[in-house]
Amino acid sequence: MWLQVCPAATFLEIDMQSYFKSKRLPYLLLLPTFVILIVFLFYPALETFRLSLYKVHPFGIRKIFAGFYNFKKLFSSDDYLHSFRISFAFSLTVVAVGLFLSLMIAVLLNQKLRGQKIYRSLLIWPYALSPAIAGALFRFLFNPVNGYMLYLPEVVLGIEPAWLTSGPLAIVIITMAATWKNLGYNIIFYLTGLQNVQRESLDAAKMDGCSPMRYLFQILIPLSANTIGALVVIEFIYIWNQYLWPLMATNSKHMRVVQIGVKMLIQTESINNWGVIMAGVVMTMIPPLVVFFVMQESFMKGFALASEK
């Protein structure tokens, strides 16, 4: 047999290791994955960066090396810079608010409560919705004509907020929508990580008179640091690549995210400057890459903890 699986099990833990008789077989099994990554990810990314350093003829006939000229011209575009700032603020807000709320809810659901399974199901099911449906739902709730969230402030406070057209209010709406949509996934991930926290630490904290908030911030969160780190990477990359939320949930042109900002660089009625467009694509790829490389260790350890369960 080419593959032998040798389990070494105890009553607490099962450790599985795979052994290959041929040293070439693991590389052969990984070859299709590497081919796909090189052809559809690494090569296009490197080619995009290379073209961003050139002035490209509109019809691709000629290229002139221009260094960082295209990036300087890109930074002079107010529309692109505004969309970049909106994406960055949107992603950071959703990550911070979403992960904190998810942790609080996961801690509660990790306790022995009556109807625990029902609560978990109700809190997790929004993750099964598609972004388009969730965005349409919030658009309906905050509709300026007949939305419930327009009617309530008018009756209670006598005001009619421009939820979908005002810049600050619009970013609140899309943040609420994205946070609610991803709440279920974060809760599942947190619950998996909390299973690795030993019950003895909670019992010892109670015996020492540790308050719930002190236990949360001084014991539980440090022990869950790798799980939080993994979720930061997943959540930031997912939200950064979401251009559908603002389009579905708001009418405000000021809430266009960076992907729409790149699309706005493409002229439909005139000649395109493809060097500047490629520079915009490169700049759009940088924040997720930075987050991943900074949080890579926590990301890998967080998944390792989850796989133990």
Protein backbone atom coordinates (compact mmCIF):
# COMPACT_ATOMS: atom_id res chain seq x y z
CA MET A 1 0.00 0.00 0.00
CA TRP A 2 1.17 3.49 -0.80
CA LEU A 3 -0.43 5.07 2.25
CA GLN A 4 -0.45 3.85 5.82
CA VAL A 5 -2.46 5.63 8.53
CA CYS A 6 -1.28 4.90 12.05
CA PRO A 7 -3.59 6.16 14.81
CA ALA A 8 -2.27 6.55 18.34
CA ALA A 9 -5.29 7.05 20.53
CA THR A 10 -5.95 7.71 24.16
CA PHE A 11 -9.28 8.27 25.89
CA LEU A 12 -8.70 12.04 25.69
CA GLU A 13 -7.11 12.58 22.31
CA ILE A 14 -6.63 10.90 18.94
CA ASP A 15 -3.50 11.74 17.01
CA MET A 16 -3.45 10.78 13.34
CA GLN A 17 -0.26 10.77 11.28
CA SER A 18 0.16 9.75 7.65
CA TYR A 19 3.26 8.02 6.33
CA PHE A 20 4.21 7.65 2.66
CA LYS A 21 6.60 4.99 1.43
CA SER A 22 7.50 7.15 -1.57
CA LYS A 23 8.95 10.62 -0.92
CA ARG A 24 7.62 11.82 -4.29
CA LEU A 25 3.99 10.86 -3.69
CA PRO A 26 3.11 13.82 -1.39
CA TYR A 27 4.45 16.27 -3.98
CA LEU A 28 2.58 14.46 -6.73
CA LEU A 29 -0.67 14.74 -4.79
CA LEU A 30 -0.07 18.46 -4.23
CA LEU A 31 0.87 19.12 -7.86
CA PRO A 32 -2.71 19.81 -9.15
CA THR A 33 -3.23 22.35 -6.36
CA PHE A 34 0.05 24.11 -7.15
CA VAL A 35 -0.78 24.21 -10.87
CA ILE A 36 -4.18 25.80 -10.20
CA LEU A 37 -2.68 28.35 -7.79
CA ILE A 38 0.10 29.31 -10.20
CA VAL A 39 -2.14 29.59 -13.27
CA PHE A 40 -5.16 31.30 -11.70
CA LEU A 41 -3.67 33.22 -8.75
CA PHE A 42 0.08 33.83 -8.65
CA TYR A 43 0.67 34.49 -12.36
CA PRO A 44 -2.26 36.95 -12.75
CA ALA A 45 -1.21 38.76 -9.55
CA LEU A 46 2.42 39.10 -10.66
CA GLU A 47 1.37 40.15 -14.16
CA THR A 48 -0.96 42.78 -12.69
CA PHE A 49 1.88 44.21 -10.59
CA ARG A 50 4.22 44.20 -13.61
CA LEU A 51 1.73 46.06 -15.81
CA SER A 52 1.13 48.61 -13.05
CA LEU A 53 4.74 49.77 -13.55
CA TYR A 54 4.25 50.49 -17.26
CA LYS A 55 2.47 53.02 -19.41
CA VAL A 56 0.47 50.74 -21.65
CA HIS A 57 -0.81 51.62 -25.10
CA PRO A 58 -4.64 51.51 -25.17
CA PHE A 59 -4.53 48.62 -27.63
CA GLY A 60 -1.61 46.85 -25.96
CA ILE A 61 0.77 47.55 -28.84
CA ARG A 62 3.50 49.18 -26.77
CA LYS A 63 4.59 49.42 -23.13
CA ILE A 64 6.91 52.01 -21.57
CA PHE A 65 8.38 51.48 -18.11
CA ALA A 66 7.10 54.25 -15.83
CA GLY A 67 8.02 53.10 -12.33
CA PHE A 68 5.49 54.30 -9.76
CA TYR A 69 4.01 56.97 -12.05
CA ASN A 70 0.70 55.07 -12.29
CA PHE A 71 0.43 54.88 -8.50
CA LYS A 72 1.01 58.64 -8.18
CA LYS A 73 -1.71 59.24 -10.74
CA LEU A 74 -3.99 56.78 -8.94
CA PHE A 75 -3.60 58.67 -5.66
CA SER A 76 -4.78 61.83 -7.41
CA SER A 77 -8.17 60.19 -8.03
CA ASP A 78 -10.52 61.40 -5.30
CA ASP A 79 -13.14 58.78 -6.18
CA TYR A 80 -10.74 55.87 -5.79
CA LEU A 81 -9.23 57.18 -2.54
CA HIS A 82 -12.70 57.74 -1.09
CA SER A 83 -13.78 54.22 -2.02
CA PHE A 84 -10.57 52.83 -0.48
CA ARG A 85 -11.24 54.66 2.79
CA ILE A 86 -14.85 53.44 2.83
CA SER A 87 -13.74 49.82 2.35
CA PHE A 88 -11.10 50.12 5.06
CA ALA A 89 -13.47 51.74 7.58
CA PHE A 90 -16.24 49.27 6.70
CA SER A 91 -13.98 46.23 7.08
CA LEU A 92 -12.42 47.36 10.37
CA THR A 93 -15.79 48.27 11.89
CA VAL A 94 -17.44 44.99 10.93
CA VAL A 95 -14.46 42.98 12.21
CA ALA A 96 -14.28 44.82 15.54
CA VAL A 97 -18.02 44.96 16.25
CA GLY A 98 -18.82 41.54 14.81
CA LEU A 99 -16.08 39.63 16.63
CA PHE A 100 -16.82 41.31 19.97
CA LEU A 101 -20.58 40.62 19.78
CA SER A 102 -19.96 37.08 18.58
CA LEU A 103 -17.61 36.40 21.49
CA MET A 104 -20.14 37.69 24.03
CA ILE A 105 -22.90 35.54 22.54
CA ALA A 106 -20.64 32.47 22.24
CA VAL A 107 -19.66 32.77 25.92
CA LEU A 108 -23.34 32.80 26.88
CA LEU A 109 -24.18 29.88 24.58
CA ASN A 110 -21.27 27.90 26.04
CA GLN A 111 -23.05 27.86 29.40
CA LYS A 112 -25.61 25.26 30.41
CA LEU A 113 -28.88 26.97 29.48
CA ARG A 114 -32.39 25.67 28.99
CA GLY A 115 -33.22 25.69 25.27
CA GLN A 116 -29.55 26.04 24.36
CA LYS A 117 -29.93 24.26 21.01
CA ILE A 118 -32.83 26.51 20.00
CA TYR A 119 -30.84 29.66 20.78
CA ARG A 120 -27.85 28.37 18.83
CA SER A 121 -29.99 27.57 15.78
CA LEU A 122 -31.69 30.98 15.79
CA LEU A 123 -28.39 32.83 16.07
CA ILE A 124 -26.57 30.74 13.47
CA TRP A 125 -29.16 30.58 10.69
CA PRO A 126 -28.45 34.10 9.21
CA TYR A 127 -25.12 32.73 7.94
CA ALA A 128 -27.09 30.46 5.59
CA LEU A 129 -28.57 33.49 3.80
CA SER A 130 -26.88 34.81 0.68
CA PRO A 131 -25.48 38.37 0.85
CA ALA A 132 -28.02 39.47 -1.79
CA ILE A 133 -30.99 38.31 0.30
CA ALA A 134 -29.60 39.78 3.52
CA GLY A 135 -28.87 43.09 1.77
CA ALA A 136 -32.36 43.20 0.24
CA LEU A 137 -33.85 42.51 3.69
CA PHE A 138 -32.08 45.49 5.26
CA ARG A 139 -32.92 47.64 2.27
CA PHE A 140 -36.59 46.82 2.83
CA LEU A 141 -36.40 47.56 6.57
CA PHE A 142 -34.81 50.98 5.95
CA ASN A 143 -36.72 51.81 2.77
CA PRO A 144 -37.34 55.62 2.62
CA VAL A 145 -40.93 55.10 1.46
CA ASN A 146 -42.42 52.33 3.59
CA GLY A 147 -39.60 50.87 5.69
CA TYR A 148 -40.34 50.01 9.32
CA MET A 149 -37.13 51.67 10.54
CA LEU A 150 -38.27 54.93 8.92
CA TYR A 151 -41.72 54.74 10.47
CA LEU A 152 -40.57 54.11 14.07
CA PRO A 153 -38.28 57.19 14.43
CA GLU A 154 -40.99 59.32 12.86
CA VAL A 155 -43.62 58.14 15.37
CA VAL A 156 -41.37 58.15 18.46
CA LEU A 157 -39.01 61.07 17.80
CA GLY A 158 -40.74 62.97 15.01
CA ILE A 159 -37.78 62.69 12.63
CA GLU A 160 -37.25 60.94 9.29
CA PRO A 161 -33.61 59.78 9.05
CA ALA A 162 -32.16 59.40 5.55
CA TRP A 163 -30.88 55.92 6.34
CA LEU A 164 -29.93 54.90 2.81
CA THR A 165 -28.78 58.20 1.33
CA SER A 166 -26.85 59.87 4.16
CA GLY A 167 -23.17 58.88 4.19
CA PRO A 168 -22.67 58.33 7.96
CA LEU A 169 -26.04 56.62 8.39
CA ALA A 170 -25.51 54.46 5.30
CA ILE A 171 -22.25 53.03 6.64
CA VAL A 172 -24.07 52.23 9.89
CA ILE A 173 -26.68 50.29 7.90
CA ILE A 174 -24.21 48.24 5.87
CA THR A 175 -22.14 47.57 9.01
CA MET A 176 -25.24 46.29 10.81
CA ALA A 177 -26.19 44.12 7.82
CA ALA A 178 -22.73 42.58 7.39
CA THR A 179 -22.30 42.02 11.14
CA TRP A 180 -25.67 40.29 11.42
CA LYS A 181 -24.98 38.16 8.35
CA ASN A 182 -21.63 36.83 9.63
CA LEU A 183 -22.66 36.48 13.27
CA GLY A 184 -23.49 32.78 12.95
CA TYR A 185 -20.13 31.76 11.47
CA ASN A 186 -18.22 33.67 14.12
CA ILE A 187 -20.28 32.10 16.91
CA ILE A 188 -19.61 28.58 15.58
CA PHE A 189 -15.88 29.28 15.40
CA TYR A 190 -15.81 30.77 18.89
CA LEU A 191 -17.78 27.88 20.36
CA THR A 192 -15.28 25.46 18.84
CA GLY A 193 -12.42 27.40 20.40
CA LEU A 194 -14.14 27.68 23.77
CA GLN A 195 -14.37 23.89 23.94
CA ASN A 196 -10.56 23.90 24.24
CA VAL A 197 -10.62 26.13 27.31
CA GLN A 198 -10.34 23.85 30.31
CA ARG A 199 -13.24 23.92 32.75
CA GLU A 200 -10.75 23.97 35.62
CA SER A 201 -9.72 27.55 34.73
CA LEU A 202 -13.31 28.74 35.17
CA ASP A 203 -13.72 26.87 38.45
CA ALA A 204 -10.43 28.26 39.78
CA ALA A 205 -11.44 31.80 38.79
CA LYS A 206 -14.75 31.45 40.62
CA MET A 207 -12.99 30.18 43.73
CA ASP A 208 -10.65 33.19 43.66
CA GLY A 209 -13.64 35.54 43.48
CA CYS A 210 -12.93 36.63 39.91
CA SER A 211 -15.78 38.72 38.46
CA PRO A 212 -17.30 37.69 35.10
CA MET A 213 -15.82 40.70 33.28
CA ARG A 214 -12.38 40.13 34.78
CA TYR A 215 -12.55 36.45 33.84
CA LEU A 216 -13.56 37.43 30.31
CA PHE A 217 -10.81 39.98 29.67
CA GLN A 218 -7.95 38.54 31.73
CA ILE A 219 -8.45 34.79 31.25
CA LEU A 220 -10.85 33.85 28.47
CA ILE A 221 -9.81 36.32 25.77
CA PRO A 222 -6.03 35.65 26.21
CA LEU A 223 -6.71 31.90 26.04
CA SER A 224 -8.80 32.46 22.88
CA ALA A 225 -6.23 34.76 21.21
CA ASN A 226 -5.45 32.32 18.38
CA THR A 227 -9.13 31.75 17.65
CA ILE A 228 -9.69 35.51 17.55
CA GLY A 229 -6.66 35.93 15.29
CA ALA A 230 -7.96 33.35 12.83
CA LEU A 231 -11.37 35.04 12.76
CA VAL A 232 -9.79 38.46 12.19
CA VAL A 233 -8.12 37.17 9.03
CA ILE A 234 -11.21 35.36 7.74
CA GLU A 235 -13.59 38.22 8.54
CA PHE A 236 -11.41 41.02 7.16
CA ILE A 237 -10.70 39.27 3.86
CA TYR A 238 -14.37 38.33 3.43
CA ILE A 239 -15.66 41.84 4.18
CA TRP A 240 -12.94 43.56 2.14
CA ASN A 241 -13.97 41.57 -0.94
CA GLN A 242 -17.68 42.35 -0.48
CA TYR A 243 -18.91 44.96 -2.94
CA LEU A 244 -22.51 43.72 -2.94
CA TRP A 245 -23.49 44.94 0.54
CA PRO A 246 -23.37 48.69 -0.18
CA LEU A 247 -25.05 48.21 -3.56
CA MET A 248 -27.89 46.17 -2.07
CA ALA A 249 -28.36 47.98 1.23
CA THR A 250 -27.92 51.69 0.38
CA ASN A 251 -28.66 54.28 -2.30
CA SER A 252 -25.70 56.47 -1.37
CA LYS A 253 -23.04 56.95 -4.04
CA HIS A 254 -20.64 57.91 -1.24
CA MET A 255 -20.74 54.34 0.08
CA ARG A 256 -19.10 52.74 -2.96
CA VAL A 257 -16.33 50.36 -1.89
CA VAL A 258 -12.89 49.95 -3.42
CA GLN A 259 -13.94 47.36 -6.02
CA ILE A 260 -16.41 49.88 -7.40
CA GLY A 261 -13.63 52.47 -7.21
CA VAL A 262 -11.52 50.31 -9.55
CA LYS A 263 -14.52 49.91 -11.87
CA MET A 264 -14.87 53.71 -11.97
CA LEU A 265 -11.30 53.93 -13.31
CA ILE A 266 -12.45 52.09 -16.43
CA GLN A 267 -13.84 54.59 -18.92
CA THR A 268 -16.65 53.37 -21.16
CA GLU A 269 -16.62 56.25 -23.64
CA SER A 270 -12.90 57.07 -23.84
CA ILE A 271 -9.49 55.41 -23.93
CA ASN A 272 -8.54 53.58 -20.74
CA ASN A 273 -5.24 54.03 -18.93
CA TRP A 274 -4.62 50.37 -18.11
CA GLY A 275 -1.47 51.11 -16.13
CA VAL A 276 -3.47 53.17 -13.62
CA ILE A 277 -6.20 50.51 -13.55
CA MET A 278 -3.65 47.80 -12.77
CA ALA A 279 -2.18 50.04 -10.05
CA GLY A 280 -5.67 50.29 -8.55
CA VAL A 281 -6.01 46.51 -8.58
CA VAL A 282 -2.61 46.13 -6.87
CA MET A 283 -3.54 48.61 -4.15
CA THR A 284 -6.82 46.77 -3.62
CA MET A 285 -4.95 43.49 -3.03
CA ILE A 286 -2.53 44.91 -0.44
CA PRO A 287 -4.70 45.21 2.75
CA PRO A 288 -5.87 41.55 2.80
CA LEU A 289 -2.29 40.38 2.16
CA VAL A 290 -0.94 42.56 4.99
CA VAL A 291 -3.59 41.27 7.42
CA PHE A 292 -2.86 37.67 6.47
CA PHE A 293 0.93 37.94 6.84
CA VAL A 294 0.69 39.84 10.12
CA MET A 295 -1.84 37.39 11.61
CA GLN A 296 -0.54 34.25 9.88
CA GLU A 297 0.72 32.54 13.03
CA SER A 298 -2.51 33.08 14.94
CA PHE A 299 -4.47 32.06 11.84
CA MET A 300 -2.73 28.69 11.61
CA LYS A 301 -2.89 28.04 15.36
CA GLY A 302 -6.57 28.95 15.44
CA PHE A 303 -7.40 26.38 12.80
CA ALA A 304 -5.20 23.82 14.52
CA LEU A 305 -7.25 24.28 17.72
CA ALA A 306 -10.48 23.96 15.77
CA SER A 307 -9.30 20.76 14.07
CA GLU A 308 -8.61 19.13 17.43
CA LYS A 309 -12.33 19.03 18.08
